[in-house]
Amino acid sequence: MKCKKCGCDALIKTDDWYKCPECGAV
């Protein structure tokens, strides 16, 4: 899964959430 905002594919998963380490999008 990629970040919808910046396209980063190194999202950090926490429970049912993903957080983008690049732009901080959740």
PDB file of all heavy atoms in Angstrom:
ATOM      1  N   MET A   1       0.846  -1.199   0.000  1.00  0.00           N
ATOM      2  CA  MET A   1       0.000   0.000   0.000  1.00  0.00           C
ATOM      3  C   MET A   1       0.878   1.244   0.000  1.00  0.00           C
ATOM      4  O   MET A   1       1.860   1.308   0.734  1.00  0.00           O
ATOM      5  CB  MET A   1      -0.924  -0.020   1.219  1.00  0.00           C
ATOM      6  CG  MET A   1      -1.920   1.118   1.248  1.00  0.00           C
ATOM      7  SD  MET A   1      -3.092   0.923   2.607  1.00  0.00           S
ATOM      8  CE  MET A   1      -4.043   2.408   2.396  1.00  0.00           C
ATOM      9  N   LYS A   2       0.483   2.250  -0.819  1.00  0.00           N
ATOM     10  CA  LYS A   2       1.255   3.479  -0.921  1.00  0.00           C
ATOM     11  C   LYS A   2       0.484   4.646  -0.322  1.00  0.00           C
ATOM     12  O   LYS A   2      -0.744   4.622  -0.230  1.00  0.00           O
ATOM     13  CB  LYS A   2       1.572   3.794  -2.376  1.00  0.00           C
ATOM     14  CG  LYS A   2       2.508   2.790  -3.029  1.00  0.00           C
ATOM     15  CD  LYS A   2       2.847   3.214  -4.433  1.00  0.00           C
ATOM     16  CE  LYS A   2       3.819   2.236  -5.083  1.00  0.00           C
ATOM     17  NZ  LYS A   2       4.196   2.648  -6.438  1.00  0.00           N
ATOM     18  N   CYS A   3       1.244   5.645   0.051  1.00  0.00           N
ATOM     19  CA  CYS A   3       0.647   6.857   0.618  1.00  0.00           C
ATOM     20  C   CYS A   3      -0.134   7.578  -0.470  1.00  0.00           C
ATOM     21  O   CYS A   3       0.379   7.792  -1.573  1.00  0.00           O
ATOM     22  CB  CYS A   3       1.730   7.765   1.196  1.00  0.00           C
ATOM     23  SG  CYS A   3       1.073   9.342   1.800  1.00  0.00           S
ATOM     24  N   LYS A   4      -1.351   7.959  -0.183  1.00  0.00           N
ATOM     25  CA  LYS A   4      -2.200   8.632  -1.151  1.00  0.00           C
ATOM     26  C   LYS A   4      -1.728  10.065  -1.416  1.00  0.00           C
ATOM     27  O   LYS A   4      -2.046  10.645  -2.436  1.00  0.00           O
ATOM     28  CB  LYS A   4      -3.650   8.685  -0.637  1.00  0.00           C
ATOM     29  CG  LYS A   4      -4.306   7.332  -0.510  1.00  0.00           C
ATOM     30  CD  LYS A   4      -4.560   6.752  -1.890  1.00  0.00           C
ATOM     31  CE  LYS A   4      -5.311   5.434  -1.783  1.00  0.00           C
ATOM     32  NZ  LYS A   4      -5.551   4.864  -3.115  1.00  0.00           N
ATOM     33  N   LYS A   5      -0.936  10.590  -0.480  1.00  0.00           N
ATOM     34  CA  LYS A   5      -0.536  11.992  -0.591  1.00  0.00           C
ATOM     35  C   LYS A   5       0.778  12.169  -1.317  1.00  0.00           C
ATOM     36  O   LYS A   5       0.906  12.980  -2.232  1.00  0.00           O
ATOM     37  CB  LYS A   5      -0.463  12.604   0.809  1.00  0.00           C
ATOM     38  CG  LYS A   5      -0.287  14.112   0.823  1.00  0.00           C
ATOM     39  CD  LYS A   5      -0.398  14.654   2.228  1.00  0.00           C
ATOM     40  CE  LYS A   5      -0.280  16.183   2.231  1.00  0.00           C
ATOM     41  NZ  LYS A   5      -0.362  16.757   3.597  1.00  0.00           N
ATOM     42  N   CYS A   6       1.800  11.384  -0.893  1.00  0.00           N
ATOM     43  CA  CYS A   6       3.128  11.567  -1.482  1.00  0.00           C
ATOM     44  C   CYS A   6       3.620  10.363  -2.267  1.00  0.00           C
ATOM     45  O   CYS A   6       4.650  10.427  -2.918  1.00  0.00           O
ATOM     46  CB  CYS A   6       4.137  11.947  -0.401  1.00  0.00           C
ATOM     47  SG  CYS A   6       4.465  10.598   0.775  1.00  0.00           S
ATOM     48  N   GLY A   7       2.916   9.228  -2.162  1.00  0.00           N
ATOM     49  CA  GLY A   7       3.299   8.039  -2.919  1.00  0.00           C
ATOM     50  C   GLY A   7       4.329   7.183  -2.242  1.00  0.00           C
ATOM     51  O   GLY A   7       4.821   6.215  -2.825  1.00  0.00           O
ATOM     52  N   CYS A   8       4.685   7.494  -1.010  1.00  0.00           N
ATOM     53  CA  CYS A   8       5.673   6.687  -0.277  1.00  0.00           C
ATOM     54  C   CYS A   8       5.122   5.302  -0.034  1.00  0.00           C
ATOM     55  O   CYS A   8       3.960   5.125   0.331  1.00  0.00           O
ATOM     56  CB  CYS A   8       6.005   7.376   1.062  1.00  0.00           C
ATOM     57  SG  CYS A   8       7.163   6.420   2.075  1.00  0.00           S
ATOM     58  N   ASP A   9       5.997   4.291  -0.270  1.00  0.00           N
ATOM     59  CA  ASP A   9       5.530   2.913  -0.082  1.00  0.00           C
ATOM     60  C   ASP A   9       6.105   2.281   1.193  1.00  0.00           C
ATOM     61  O   ASP A   9       6.048   1.066   1.358  1.00  0.00           O
ATOM     62  CB  ASP A   9       5.899   2.073  -1.303  1.00  0.00           C
ATOM     63  CG  ASP A   9       7.398   2.068  -1.560  1.00  0.00           C
ATOM     64  OD1 ASP A   9       8.121   2.732  -0.821  1.00  0.00           O
ATOM     65  OD2 ASP A   9       7.824   1.385  -2.523  1.00  0.00           O
ATOM     66  N   ALA A  10       6.634   3.101   2.122  1.00  0.00           N
ATOM     67  CA  ALA A  10       7.182   2.585   3.393  1.00  0.00           C
ATOM     68  C   ALA A  10       6.278   3.012   4.556  1.00  0.00           C
ATOM     69  O   ALA A  10       6.719   3.590   5.556  1.00  0.00           O
ATOM     70  CB  ALA A  10       8.594   3.097   3.604  1.00  0.00           C
ATOM     71  N   LEU A  11       4.985   2.749   4.408  1.00  0.00           N
ATOM     72  CA  LEU A  11       4.032   3.145   5.449  1.00  0.00           C
ATOM     73  C   LEU A  11       4.224   2.316   6.721  1.00  0.00           C
ATOM     74  O   LEU A  11       4.573   1.139   6.667  1.00  0.00           O
ATOM     75  CB  LEU A  11       2.607   2.984   4.930  1.00  0.00           C
ATOM     76  CG  LEU A  11       2.258   3.776   3.661  1.00  0.00           C
ATOM     77  CD1 LEU A  11       0.796   3.543   3.271  1.00  0.00           C
ATOM     78  CD2 LEU A  11       2.524   5.260   3.841  1.00  0.00           C
ATOM     79  N   ILE A  12       3.951   2.967   7.863  1.00  0.00           N
ATOM     80  CA  ILE A  12       4.073   2.285   9.165  1.00  0.00           C
ATOM     81  C   ILE A  12       2.677   1.934   9.630  1.00  0.00           C
ATOM     82  O   ILE A  12       1.803   2.798   9.762  1.00  0.00           O
ATOM     83  CB  ILE A  12       4.758   3.198  10.208  1.00  0.00           C
ATOM     84  CG1 ILE A  12       6.159   3.555   9.702  1.00  0.00           C
ATOM     85  CG2 ILE A  12       4.819   2.526  11.558  1.00  0.00           C
ATOM     86  CD1 ILE A  12       6.848   4.592  10.553  1.00  0.00           C
ATOM     87  N   LYS A  13       2.448   0.616   9.874  1.00  0.00           N
ATOM     88  CA  LYS A  13       1.114   0.145  10.254  1.00  0.00           C
ATOM     89  C   LYS A  13       0.989   0.092  11.768  1.00  0.00           C
ATOM     90  O   LYS A  13       1.841  -0.442  12.454  1.00  0.00           O
ATOM     91  CB  LYS A  13       0.854  -1.240   9.670  1.00  0.00           C
ATOM     92  CG  LYS A  13      -0.570  -1.744   9.852  1.00  0.00           C
ATOM     93  CD  LYS A  13      -0.736  -3.072   9.113  1.00  0.00           C
ATOM     94  CE  LYS A  13      -2.181  -3.531   9.123  1.00  0.00           C
ATOM     95  NZ  LYS A  13      -2.875  -3.427  10.361  1.00  0.00           N
ATOM     96  N   THR A  14      -0.115   0.654  12.261  1.00  0.00           N
ATOM     97  CA  THR A  14      -0.444   0.587  13.691  1.00  0.00           C
ATOM     98  C   THR A  14      -1.918   0.231  13.790  1.00  0.00           C
ATOM     99  O   THR A  14      -2.784   1.041  13.419  1.00  0.00           O
ATOM    100  CB  THR A  14      -0.191   1.936  14.393  1.00  0.00           C
ATOM    101  OG1 THR A  14       1.163   2.316  14.184  1.00  0.00           O
ATOM    102  CG2 THR A  14      -0.489   1.826  15.873  1.00  0.00           C
ATOM    103  N   ASP A  15      -2.194  -0.990  14.261  1.00  0.00           N
ATOM    104  CA  ASP A  15      -3.573  -1.505  14.313  1.00  0.00           C
ATOM    105  C   ASP A  15      -4.192  -1.410  12.919  1.00  0.00           C
ATOM    106  O   ASP A  15      -3.680  -1.984  11.997  1.00  0.00           O
ATOM    107  CB  ASP A  15      -4.404  -0.745  15.355  1.00  0.00           C
ATOM    108  CG  ASP A  15      -3.853  -0.977  16.783  1.00  0.00           C
ATOM    109  OD1 ASP A  15      -3.341  -2.084  17.021  1.00  0.00           O
ATOM    110  OD2 ASP A  15      -3.934  -0.050  17.604  1.00  0.00           O
ATOM    111  N   ASP A  16      -5.274  -0.610  12.824  1.00  0.00           N
ATOM    112  CA  ASP A  16      -5.981  -0.492  11.545  1.00  0.00           C
ATOM    113  C   ASP A  16      -5.546   0.729  10.760  1.00  0.00           C
ATOM    114  O   ASP A  16      -6.189   1.133   9.795  1.00  0.00           O
ATOM    115  CB  ASP A  16      -7.503  -0.408  11.774  1.00  0.00           C
ATOM    116  CG  ASP A  16      -8.037  -1.668  12.440  1.00  0.00           C
ATOM    117  OD1 ASP A  16      -7.407  -2.714  12.247  1.00  0.00           O
ATOM    118  OD2 ASP A  16      -9.099  -1.592  13.093  1.00  0.00           O
ATOM    119  N   TRP A  17      -4.419   1.365  11.225  1.00  0.00           N
ATOM    120  CA  TRP A  17      -3.994   2.605  10.590  1.00  0.00           C
ATOM    121  C   TRP A  17      -2.640   2.442   9.928  1.00  0.00           C
ATOM    122  O   TRP A  17      -1.823   1.630  10.329  1.00  0.00           O
ATOM    123  CB  TRP A  17      -3.895   3.732  11.636  1.00  0.00           C
ATOM    124  CG  TRP A  17      -5.216   4.075  12.264  1.00  0.00           C
ATOM    125  CD1 TRP A  17      -5.801   3.456  13.327  1.00  0.00           C
ATOM    126  CD2 TRP A  17      -6.063   5.105  11.845  1.00  0.00           C
ATOM    127  NE1 TRP A  17      -6.981   4.019  13.625  1.00  0.00           N
ATOM    128  CE2 TRP A  17      -7.190   5.072  12.699  1.00  0.00           C
ATOM    129  CE3 TRP A  17      -6.011   6.085  10.845  1.00  0.00           C
ATOM    130  CZ2 TRP A  17      -8.248   5.959  12.590  1.00  0.00           C
ATOM    131  CZ3 TRP A  17      -7.059   6.962  10.752  1.00  0.00           C
ATOM    132  CH2 TRP A  17      -8.179   6.900  11.607  1.00  0.00           C
ATOM    133  N   TYR A  18      -2.422   3.274   8.940  1.00  0.00           N
ATOM    134  CA  TYR A  18      -1.111   3.409   8.318  1.00  0.00           C
ATOM    135  C   TYR A  18      -0.697   4.861   8.470  1.00  0.00           C
ATOM    136  O   TYR A  18      -1.518   5.774   8.316  1.00  0.00           O
ATOM    137  CB  TYR A  18      -1.157   3.062   6.826  1.00  0.00           C
ATOM    138  CG  TYR A  18      -1.130   1.581   6.540  1.00  0.00           C
ATOM    139  CD1 TYR A  18      -2.295   0.890   6.207  1.00  0.00           C
ATOM    140  CD2 TYR A  18       0.081   0.879   6.593  1.00  0.00           C
ATOM    141  CE1 TYR A  18      -2.271  -0.464   5.933  1.00  0.00           C
ATOM    142  CE2 TYR A  18       0.111  -0.487   6.308  1.00  0.00           C
ATOM    143  CZ  TYR A  18      -1.054  -1.160   5.990  1.00  0.00           C
ATOM    144  OH  TYR A  18      -1.017  -2.498   5.731  1.00  0.00           O
ATOM    145  N   LYS A  19       0.623   5.049   8.758  1.00  0.00           N
ATOM    146  CA  LYS A  19       1.143   6.407   8.858  1.00  0.00           C
ATOM    147  C   LYS A  19       2.331   6.539   7.931  1.00  0.00           C
ATOM    148  O   LYS A  19       3.188   5.665   7.867  1.00  0.00           O
ATOM    149  CB  LYS A  19       1.571   6.721  10.298  1.00  0.00           C
ATOM    150  CG  LYS A  19       2.034   8.163  10.471  1.00  0.00           C
ATOM    151  CD  LYS A  19       2.330   8.471  11.931  1.00  0.00           C
ATOM    152  CE  LYS A  19       2.759   9.918  12.093  1.00  0.00           C
ATOM    153  NZ  LYS A  19       3.072  10.257  13.509  1.00  0.00           N
ATOM    154  N   CYS A  20       2.350   7.652   7.181  1.00  0.00           N
ATOM    155  CA  CYS A  20       3.437   7.888   6.234  1.00  0.00           C
ATOM    156  C   CYS A  20       4.591   8.568   6.951  1.00  0.00           C
ATOM    157  O   CYS A  20       4.407   9.646   7.528  1.00  0.00           O
ATOM    158  CB  CYS A  20       2.962   8.757   5.070  1.00  0.00           C
ATOM    159  SG  CYS A  20       4.278   9.108   3.878  1.00  0.00           S
ATOM    160  N   PRO A  21       5.812   7.967   6.945  1.00  0.00           N
ATOM    161  CA  PRO A  21       6.963   8.581   7.607  1.00  0.00           C
ATOM    162  C   PRO A  21       7.480   9.814   6.871  1.00  0.00           C
ATOM    163  O   PRO A  21       8.215  10.610   7.427  1.00  0.00           O
ATOM    164  CB  PRO A  21       7.993   7.450   7.611  1.00  0.00           C
ATOM    165  CG  PRO A  21       7.633   6.614   6.436  1.00  0.00           C
ATOM    166  CD  PRO A  21       6.151   6.668   6.340  1.00  0.00           C
ATOM    167  N   GLU A  22       7.074   9.992   5.595  1.00  0.00           N
ATOM    168  CA  GLU A  22       7.575  11.111   4.804  1.00  0.00           C
ATOM    169  C   GLU A  22       6.758  12.384   5.032  1.00  0.00           C
ATOM    170  O   GLU A  22       7.289  13.453   5.313  1.00  0.00           O
ATOM    171  CB  GLU A  22       7.569  10.753   3.309  1.00  0.00           C
ATOM    172  CG  GLU A  22       8.488   9.600   2.947  1.00  0.00           C
ATOM    173  CD  GLU A  22       9.945   9.961   3.086  1.00  0.00           C
ATOM    174  OE1 GLU A  22      10.286  11.170   3.019  1.00  0.00           O
ATOM    175  OE2 GLU A  22      10.749   9.042   3.274  1.00  0.00           O
ATOM    176  N   CYS A  23       5.412  12.252   4.874  1.00  0.00           N
ATOM    177  CA  CYS A  23       4.567  13.447   4.973  1.00  0.00           C
ATOM    178  C   CYS A  23       3.666  13.457   6.190  1.00  0.00           C
ATOM    179  O   CYS A  23       2.985  14.443   6.457  1.00  0.00           O
ATOM    180  CB  CYS A  23       3.736  13.588   3.709  1.00  0.00           C
ATOM    181  SG  CYS A  23       2.554  12.235   3.489  1.00  0.00           S
ATOM    182  N   GLY A  24       3.646  12.325   6.945  1.00  0.00           N
ATOM    183  CA  GLY A  24       2.849  12.261   8.160  1.00  0.00           C
ATOM    184  C   GLY A  24       1.382  11.966   7.924  1.00  0.00           C
ATOM    185  O   GLY A  24       0.586  12.015   8.869  1.00  0.00           O
ATOM    186  N   ALA A  25       0.964  11.677   6.686  1.00  0.00           N
ATOM    187  CA  ALA A  25      -0.438  11.374   6.405  1.00  0.00           C
ATOM    188  C   ALA A  25      -0.849  10.084   7.095  1.00  0.00           C
ATOM    189  O   ALA A  25      -0.057   9.147   7.236  1.00  0.00           O
ATOM    190  CB  ALA A  25      -0.657  11.239   4.903  1.00  0.00           C
ATOM    191  N   VAL A  26      -2.113  10.047   7.545  1.00  0.00           N
ATOM    192  CA  VAL A  26      -2.661   8.876   8.239  1.00  0.00           C
ATOM    193  C   VAL A  26      -3.863   8.387   7.421  1.00  0.00           C
ATOM    194  O   VAL A  26      -4.697   9.175   6.987  1.00  0.00           O
ATOM    195  CB  VAL A  26      -3.098   9.238   9.673  1.00  0.00           C
ATOM    196  CG1 VAL A  26      -3.718   8.020  10.346  1.00  0.00           C
ATOM    197  CG2 VAL A  26      -1.915   9.729  10.478  1.00  0.00           C
TER     198      VAL A  26
END
